[in-house]
Each structure stands twice: as C-alpha cells, then as structure tokens.
Protein backbone atom coordinates (compact mmCIF):
# COMPACT_ATOMS: atom_id res chain seq x y z
CA MET A 1 -35.82 62.14 -65.54
CA LEU A 2 -34.67 58.37 -66.76
CA HIS A 3 -30.87 58.38 -66.96
CA GLY A 4 -29.71 55.22 -68.45
CA TYR A 5 -30.43 52.67 -65.64
CA LEU A 6 -31.31 55.45 -63.03
CA ASP A 7 -34.50 57.31 -62.84
CA LEU A 8 -33.92 60.70 -60.92
CA PRO A 9 -35.23 63.69 -60.11
CA THR A 10 -33.61 67.27 -61.14
CA PHE A 11 -31.16 68.70 -59.13
CA THR A 12 -33.56 71.06 -57.47
CA PHE A 13 -35.12 67.86 -55.38
CA TRP A 14 -31.62 68.17 -53.57
CA LYS A 15 -31.21 72.26 -53.04
CA GLU A 16 -34.50 71.79 -51.00
CA LYS A 17 -32.25 69.17 -48.91
CA ASN A 18 -34.10 65.75 -49.76
CA ILE A 19 -32.65 62.54 -49.80
CA TRP A 20 -32.78 59.91 -52.65
CA THR A 21 -32.05 56.27 -52.12
CA GLY A 22 -32.73 53.71 -54.85
CA SER A 23 -31.58 50.23 -55.82
CA MET A 24 -31.17 48.15 -58.70
CA PHE A 25 -30.82 44.60 -60.14
CA ARG A 26 -31.83 43.69 -55.85
CA THR A 27 -28.78 44.30 -54.48
CA PHE A 28 -26.84 47.09 -55.99
CA ASN A 29 -27.95 49.88 -53.51
CA TYR A 30 -27.43 53.88 -53.51
CA ARG A 31 -28.20 57.02 -51.51
CA ILE A 32 -27.42 60.57 -52.79
CA PHE A 33 -27.75 63.32 -50.60
CA LYS A 34 -26.36 66.88 -49.96
CA ASP A 35 -23.66 66.65 -47.63
CA THR A 36 -20.64 69.15 -45.83
CA VAL A 37 -17.13 68.85 -45.93
CA LYS A 38 -14.58 71.31 -44.47
CA LYS A 39 -12.12 72.56 -47.13
CA GLY A 40 -9.76 74.13 -44.69
CA GLU A 41 -11.61 77.14 -42.53
CA GLU A 42 -14.86 76.80 -44.54
CA GLU A 43 -17.41 74.28 -45.10
CA GLU A 44 -18.66 73.49 -48.35
CA ASN A 45 -22.05 72.01 -49.53
CA VAL A 46 -21.33 68.38 -51.60
CA LEU A 47 -23.75 65.97 -53.47
CA ARG A 48 -22.61 62.82 -51.41
CA THR A 49 -23.14 59.47 -52.93
CA VAL A 50 -23.03 56.03 -50.82
CA VAL A 51 -23.04 52.50 -52.64
CA TRP A 52 -23.30 49.41 -51.09
CA TYR A 53 -24.48 45.97 -51.73
CA GLY A 54 -27.10 43.53 -50.42
CA MET A 55 -30.73 43.15 -49.04
CA ASP A 56 -29.92 45.49 -46.05
CA CYS A 57 -31.35 49.10 -45.82
CA PHE A 58 -29.31 52.31 -45.61
CA ASP A 59 -29.91 52.18 -41.66
CA LEU A 60 -28.93 48.70 -41.32
CA VAL A 61 -25.34 49.15 -43.36
CA SER A 62 -21.77 50.36 -41.51
CA PRO A 63 -19.72 52.50 -43.30
CA GLU A 64 -17.33 50.12 -43.47
CA ASP A 65 -19.85 48.05 -45.92
CA TYR A 66 -19.63 51.01 -48.33
CA VAL A 67 -18.40 50.20 -51.76
CA ILE A 68 -18.14 53.65 -52.88
CA ASP A 69 -18.28 56.85 -50.71
CA MET A 70 -17.77 59.90 -52.85
CA ASN A 71 -18.41 63.41 -53.13
CA GLU A 72 -19.35 65.65 -56.03
CA GLU A 73 -20.03 69.40 -56.83
CA PHE A 74 -23.06 70.38 -55.29
CA SER A 75 -24.35 71.84 -58.49
CA PRO A 76 -26.25 70.02 -61.76
CA GLU A 77 -23.05 69.31 -63.22
CA GLY A 78 -22.10 67.61 -60.47
CA LEU A 79 -25.41 65.61 -60.44
CA GLU A 80 -25.05 64.93 -64.02
CA ARG A 81 -21.28 63.22 -62.95
CA THR A 82 -22.78 61.09 -60.48
CA ILE A 83 -25.25 59.65 -62.75
CA ALA A 84 -22.77 58.74 -65.42
CA PHE A 85 -20.71 57.24 -62.74
CA LEU A 86 -23.30 55.31 -61.09
CA ASN A 87 -24.28 54.09 -64.79
CA GLU A 88 -20.95 53.00 -65.03
CA ARG A 89 -20.98 50.87 -62.17
CA LEU A 90 -23.98 49.70 -62.60
CA ALA A 91 -23.24 48.53 -65.92
CA GLU A 92 -20.18 46.66 -64.09
CA TYR A 93 -22.20 45.20 -61.58
CA LYS A 94 -24.80 43.82 -64.34
CA SER A 95 -21.77 42.46 -66.45
CA ILE A 96 -20.62 40.33 -63.67
CA GLY A 97 -24.20 39.07 -62.35
CA GLY A 98 -24.50 41.23 -59.84
CA VAL A 99 -21.64 39.79 -57.49
CA ARG A 100 -19.47 41.85 -55.59
CA GLN A 101 -15.94 41.43 -56.37
C-alpha cells in the first residue's frame, strides 16, 4: 500500500518474518524487520527500522553508519508509527536535497 513516500506491504508481511528493504532519492535507504529485545527477564518482539545514507546495500553498511536505528511496538499500530516517522525523515531529507547533515 502507498503511504506517502513509501509503498509498503501490510503488517502481515512482517508477522511472517519477512524483511523489507528500500530506498528513496537514491541515497536514503531503510530496512524494516521483526527483531527481539530483552525487557528484563523476557524478550519482546519489536518492529526494527534502520536507516543509512549512501549507495551501499545493507550488508555493506556497518551499524556505526546507521543514521536511525529505532524499535517500535510489533503491531499494525507500530507499523503506522514507523511509516509516519519515515515519511517525516524522508520529507526532511528531500528538503535539504538529499544531503547528509
């Protein structure tokens, strides 16, 4: 489904443990995937989003190069918040001409 700048699948895509990677404006790259984080003694599923700039694919980028590394609740509502956040960052990135600040 089209959400502002992003054309993303529904939440079911991530429930099936799939990974979504994309790019906008050639150098704004993102990856959204299911991950787990420790909350005290328990693990919790989260929807993790990583953003990096440049022409390199995810496998060639080190975590130090991530400009955004965030977790959101693993739910359809968490996906909606992730989409809104990414659209805001994409609008900012576009407004500065796709240049890293």
